[in-house]
Amino acid sequence: GKPEYQRMWDEDLAQPVEQVGAELRKHMAWLQSETPSEQPAPAQPQSQAA
């Protein structure tokens, strides 16, 4: 049941690839925006721009 599933989940998160991925994501500034207002505006087609 749940205890067995949690054990398997914890083992998966302890894999080296997960640890490396977490470290790499720390260096990806574009993944760390805190609010939607910090995200760039969507691009407009040339026909609609200014």
PDB file of N, CA and C in Angstrom:
ATOM      1  N   GLY A   1       0.803  -1.174   0.000  1.00  0.00           N
ATOM      2  CA  GLY A   1       0.000   0.000   0.000  1.00  0.00           C
ATOM      3  C   GLY A   1       0.858   1.254   0.000  1.00  0.00           C
ATOM      4  N   LYS A   2       0.393   2.217   0.711  1.00  0.00           N
ATOM      5  CA  LYS A   2       1.021   3.542   0.745  1.00  0.00           C
ATOM      6  C   LYS A   2       2.457   3.498   1.264  1.00  0.00           C
ATOM      7  N   PRO A   3       2.765   2.767   2.342  1.00  0.00           N
ATOM      8  CA  PRO A   3       4.160   2.742   2.810  1.00  0.00           C
ATOM      9  C   PRO A   3       5.125   2.197   1.756  1.00  0.00           C
ATOM     10  N   GLU A   4       4.702   1.158   1.040  1.00  0.00           N
ATOM     11  CA  GLU A   4       5.554   0.581  -0.005  1.00  0.00           C
ATOM     12  C   GLU A   4       5.750   1.574  -1.149  1.00  0.00           C
ATOM     13  N   TYR A   5       4.673   2.248  -1.544  1.00  0.00           N
ATOM     14  CA  TYR A   5       4.760   3.249  -2.607  1.00  0.00           C
ATOM     15  C   TYR A   5       5.693   4.386  -2.186  1.00  0.00           C
ATOM     16  N   GLN A   6       5.564   4.851  -0.960  1.00  0.00           N
ATOM     17  CA  GLN A   6       6.414   5.941  -0.466  1.00  0.00           C
ATOM     18  C   GLN A   6       7.882   5.520  -0.452  1.00  0.00           C
ATOM     19  N   ARG A   7       8.149   4.274  -0.074  1.00  0.00           N
ATOM     20  CA  ARG A   7       9.524   3.776  -0.075  1.00  0.00           C
ATOM     21  C   ARG A   7      10.100   3.800  -1.491  1.00  0.00           C
ATOM     22  N   MET A   8       9.311   3.325  -2.462  1.00  0.00           N
ATOM     23  CA  MET A   8       9.787   3.326  -3.847  1.00  0.00           C
ATOM     24  C   MET A   8       9.985   4.753  -4.362  1.00  0.00           C
ATOM     25  N   TRP A   9       9.079   5.663  -4.000  1.00  0.00           N
ATOM     26  CA  TRP A   9       9.185   7.072  -4.409  1.00  0.00           C
ATOM     27  C   TRP A   9      10.474   7.678  -3.858  1.00  0.00           C
ATOM     28  N   ASP A  10      10.737   7.433  -2.585  1.00  0.00           N
ATOM     29  CA  ASP A  10      11.944   7.963  -1.952  1.00  0.00           C
ATOM     30  C   ASP A  10      13.205   7.402  -2.603  1.00  0.00           C
ATOM     31  N   GLU A  11      13.184   6.122  -2.952  1.00  0.00           N
ATOM     32  CA  GLU A  11      14.336   5.520  -3.627  1.00  0.00           C
ATOM     33  C   GLU A  11      14.564   6.158  -4.993  1.00  0.00           C
ATOM     34  N   ASP A  12      13.489   6.427  -5.722  1.00  0.00           N
ATOM     35  CA  ASP A  12      13.623   7.068  -7.034  1.00  0.00           C
ATOM     36  C   ASP A  12      14.229   8.463  -6.905  1.00  0.00           C
ATOM     37  N   LEU A  13      13.801   9.220  -5.910  1.00  0.00           N
ATOM     38  CA  LEU A  13      14.320  10.578  -5.731  1.00  0.00           C
ATOM     39  C   LEU A  13      15.774  10.585  -5.287  1.00  0.00           C
ATOM     40  N   ALA A  14      16.237   9.477  -4.737  1.00  0.00           N
ATOM     41  CA  ALA A  14      17.617   9.397  -4.260  1.00  0.00           C
ATOM     42  C   ALA A  14      18.587   8.994  -5.369  1.00  0.00           C
ATOM     43  N   GLN A  15      18.094   8.723  -6.568  1.00  0.00           N
ATOM     44  CA  GLN A  15      18.961   8.326  -7.676  1.00  0.00           C
ATOM     45  C   GLN A  15      19.908   9.472  -8.040  1.00  0.00           C
ATOM     46  N   PRO A  16      21.129   9.165  -8.431  1.00  0.00           N
ATOM     47  CA  PRO A  16      22.091  10.219  -8.792  1.00  0.00           C
ATOM     48  C   PRO A  16      21.581  11.156  -9.885  1.00  0.00           C
ATOM     49  N   VAL A  17      20.853  10.640 -10.855  1.00  0.00           N
ATOM     50  CA  VAL A  17      20.370  11.507 -11.930  1.00  0.00           C
ATOM     51  C   VAL A  17      19.404  12.560 -11.386  1.00  0.00           C
ATOM     52  N   GLU A  18      18.619  12.224 -10.388  1.00  0.00           N
ATOM     53  CA  GLU A  18      17.708  13.194  -9.783  1.00  0.00           C
ATOM     54  C   GLU A  18      18.488  14.267  -9.034  1.00  0.00           C
ATOM     55  N   GLN A  19      19.538  13.871  -8.355  1.00  0.00           N
ATOM     56  CA  GLN A  19      20.350  14.834  -7.610  1.00  0.00           C
ATOM     57  C   GLN A  19      21.076  15.780  -8.558  1.00  0.00           C
ATOM     58  N   VAL A  20      21.612  15.257  -9.649  1.00  0.00           N
ATOM     59  CA  VAL A  20      22.299  16.092 -10.635  1.00  0.00           C
ATOM     60  C   VAL A  20      21.298  17.045 -11.283  1.00  0.00           C
ATOM     61  N   GLY A  21      20.123  16.542 -11.623  1.00  0.00           N
ATOM     62  CA  GLY A  21      19.095  17.388 -12.225  1.00  0.00           C
ATOM     63  C   GLY A  21      18.692  18.527 -11.312  1.00  0.00           C
ATOM     64  N   ALA A  22      18.540  18.260 -10.035  1.00  0.00           N
ATOM     65  CA  ALA A  22      18.182  19.309  -9.085  1.00  0.00           C
ATOM     66  C   ALA A  22      19.274  20.370  -9.025  1.00  0.00           C
ATOM     67  N   GLU A  23      20.519  19.952  -9.046  1.00  0.00           N
ATOM     68  CA  GLU A  23      21.636  20.902  -9.012  1.00  0.00           C
ATOM     69  C   GLU A  23      21.671  21.737 -10.292  1.00  0.00           C
ATOM     70  N   LEU A  24      21.451  21.115 -11.430  1.00  0.00           N
ATOM     71  CA  LEU A  24      21.452  21.856 -12.694  1.00  0.00           C
ATOM     72  C   LEU A  24      20.308  22.861 -12.753  1.00  0.00           C
ATOM     73  N   ARG A  25      19.122  22.485 -12.264  1.00  0.00           N
ATOM     74  CA  ARG A  25      17.979  23.400 -12.294  1.00  0.00           C
ATOM     75  C   ARG A  25      18.230  24.644 -11.457  1.00  0.00           C
ATOM     76  N   LYS A  26      19.064  24.541 -10.424  1.00  0.00           N
ATOM     77  CA  LYS A  26      19.402  25.720  -9.617  1.00  0.00           C
ATOM     78  C   LYS A  26      20.103  26.782 -10.452  1.00  0.00           C
ATOM     79  N   HIS A  27      20.812  26.362 -11.502  1.00  0.00           N
ATOM     80  CA  HIS A  27      21.580  27.281 -12.336  1.00  0.00           C
ATOM     81  C   HIS A  27      20.787  27.798 -13.532  1.00  0.00           C
ATOM     82  N   MET A  28      19.557  27.376 -13.683  1.00  0.00           N
ATOM     83  CA  MET A  28      18.726  27.796 -14.813  1.00  0.00           C
ATOM     84  C   MET A  28      17.794  28.907 -14.350  1.00  0.00           C
ATOM     85  N   ALA A  29      18.268  30.143 -14.445  1.00  0.00           N
ATOM     86  CA  ALA A  29      17.541  31.294 -13.919  1.00  0.00           C
ATOM     87  C   ALA A  29      16.140  31.424 -14.519  1.00  0.00           C
ATOM     88  N   TRP A  30      15.970  31.058 -15.786  1.00  0.00           N
ATOM     89  CA  TRP A  30      14.666  31.219 -16.419  1.00  0.00           C
ATOM     90  C   TRP A  30      13.615  30.290 -15.838  1.00  0.00           C
ATOM     91  N   LEU A  31      14.012  29.285 -15.088  1.00  0.00           N
ATOM     92  CA  LEU A  31      13.057  28.389 -14.442  1.00  0.00           C
ATOM     93  C   LEU A  31      12.647  28.882 -13.060  1.00  0.00           C
ATOM     94  N   GLN A  32      13.274  29.941 -12.590  1.00  0.00           N
ATOM     95  CA  GLN A  32      13.082  30.356 -11.211  1.00  0.00           C
ATOM     96  C   GLN A  32      12.240  31.613 -11.053  1.00  0.00           C
ATOM     97  N   SER A  33      11.466  32.027 -12.061  1.00  0.00           N
ATOM     98  CA  SER A  33      10.641  33.215 -11.894  1.00  0.00           C
ATOM     99  C   SER A  33       9.593  32.934 -10.824  1.00  0.00           C
ATOM    100  N   GLU A  34       9.368  33.916  -9.963  1.00  0.00           N
ATOM    101  CA  GLU A  34       8.493  33.710  -8.811  1.00  0.00           C
ATOM    102  C   GLU A  34       7.048  34.106  -9.081  1.00  0.00           C
ATOM    103  N   THR A  35       6.832  35.085  -9.958  1.00  0.00           N
ATOM    104  CA  THR A  35       5.475  35.525 -10.237  1.00  0.00           C
ATOM    105  C   THR A  35       5.246  35.551 -11.736  1.00  0.00           C
ATOM    106  N   PRO A  36       3.995  35.401 -12.169  1.00  0.00           N
ATOM    107  CA  PRO A  36       3.716  35.438 -13.603  1.00  0.00           C
ATOM    108  C   PRO A  36       4.113  36.762 -14.247  1.00  0.00           C
ATOM    109  N   SER A  37       4.113  37.865 -13.508  1.00  0.00           N
ATOM    110  CA  SER A  37       4.458  39.161 -14.084  1.00  0.00           C
ATOM    111  C   SER A  37       5.925  39.232 -14.485  1.00  0.00           C
ATOM    112  N   GLU A  38       6.757  38.353 -13.959  1.00  0.00           N
ATOM    113  CA  GLU A  38       8.172  38.348 -14.304  1.00  0.00           C
ATOM    114  C   GLU A  38       8.440  37.614 -15.608  1.00  0.00           C
ATOM    115  N   GLN A  39       7.453  36.913 -16.124  1.00  0.00           N
ATOM    116  CA  GLN A  39       7.641  36.169 -17.360  1.00  0.00           C
ATOM    117  C   GLN A  39       7.528  37.123 -18.541  1.00  0.00           C
ATOM    118  N   PRO A  40       8.294  36.898 -19.609  1.00  0.00           N
ATOM    119  CA  PRO A  40       8.218  37.779 -20.768  1.00  0.00           C
ATOM    120  C   PRO A  40       6.848  37.712 -21.426  1.00  0.00           C
ATOM    121  N   ALA A  41       6.451  38.812 -22.051  1.00  0.00           N
ATOM    122  CA  ALA A  41       5.174  38.857 -22.747  1.00  0.00           C
ATOM    123  C   ALA A  41       5.236  37.958 -23.975  1.00  0.00           C
ATOM    124  N   PRO A  42       4.128  37.354 -24.342  1.00  0.00           N
ATOM    125  CA  PRO A  42       4.135  36.507 -25.533  1.00  0.00           C
ATOM    126  C   PRO A  42       4.412  37.336 -26.782  1.00  0.00           C
ATOM    127  N   ALA A  43       5.067  36.745 -27.751  1.00  0.00           N
ATOM    128  CA  ALA A  43       5.401  37.438 -28.987  1.00  0.00           C
ATOM    129  C   ALA A  43       4.143  37.690 -29.806  1.00  0.00           C
ATOM    130  N   GLN A  44       4.136  38.826 -30.525  1.00  0.00           N
ATOM    131  CA  GLN A  44       3.026  39.153 -31.404  1.00  0.00           C
ATOM    132  C   GLN A  44       3.442  38.919 -32.847  1.00  0.00           C
ATOM    133  N   PRO A  45       2.524  38.501 -33.683  1.00  0.00           N
ATOM    134  CA  PRO A  45       2.844  38.388 -35.108  1.00  0.00           C
ATOM    135  C   PRO A  45       3.186  39.766 -35.671  1.00  0.00           C
ATOM    136  N   GLN A  46       4.009  39.840 -36.703  1.00  0.00           N
ATOM    137  CA  GLN A  46       4.416  41.112 -37.298  1.00  0.00           C
ATOM    138  C   GLN A  46       3.215  41.936 -37.750  1.00  0.00           C
ATOM    139  N   SER A  47       2.163  41.286 -38.210  1.00  0.00           N
ATOM    140  CA  SER A  47       0.989  42.012 -38.697  1.00  0.00           C
ATOM    141  C   SER A  47       0.268  42.754 -37.580  1.00  0.00           C
ATOM    142  N   GLN A  48       0.473  42.349 -36.319  1.00  0.00           N
ATOM    143  CA  GLN A  48      -0.198  42.989 -35.192  1.00  0.00           C
ATOM    144  C   GLN A  48       0.736  43.873 -34.382  1.00  0.00           C
ATOM    145  N   ALA A  49       2.020  43.827 -34.636  1.00  0.00           N
ATOM    146  CA  ALA A  49       2.985  44.603 -33.857  1.00  0.00           C
ATOM    147  C   ALA A  49       2.911  46.069 -34.252  1.00  0.00           C
ATOM    148  N   ALA A  50       3.023  46.958 -33.282  1.00  0.00           N
ATOM    149  CA  ALA A  50       3.030  48.424 -33.416  1.00  0.00           C
ATOM    150  C   ALA A  50       2.445  48.803 -34.694  1.00  0.00           C
TER     151      ALA A  50
END
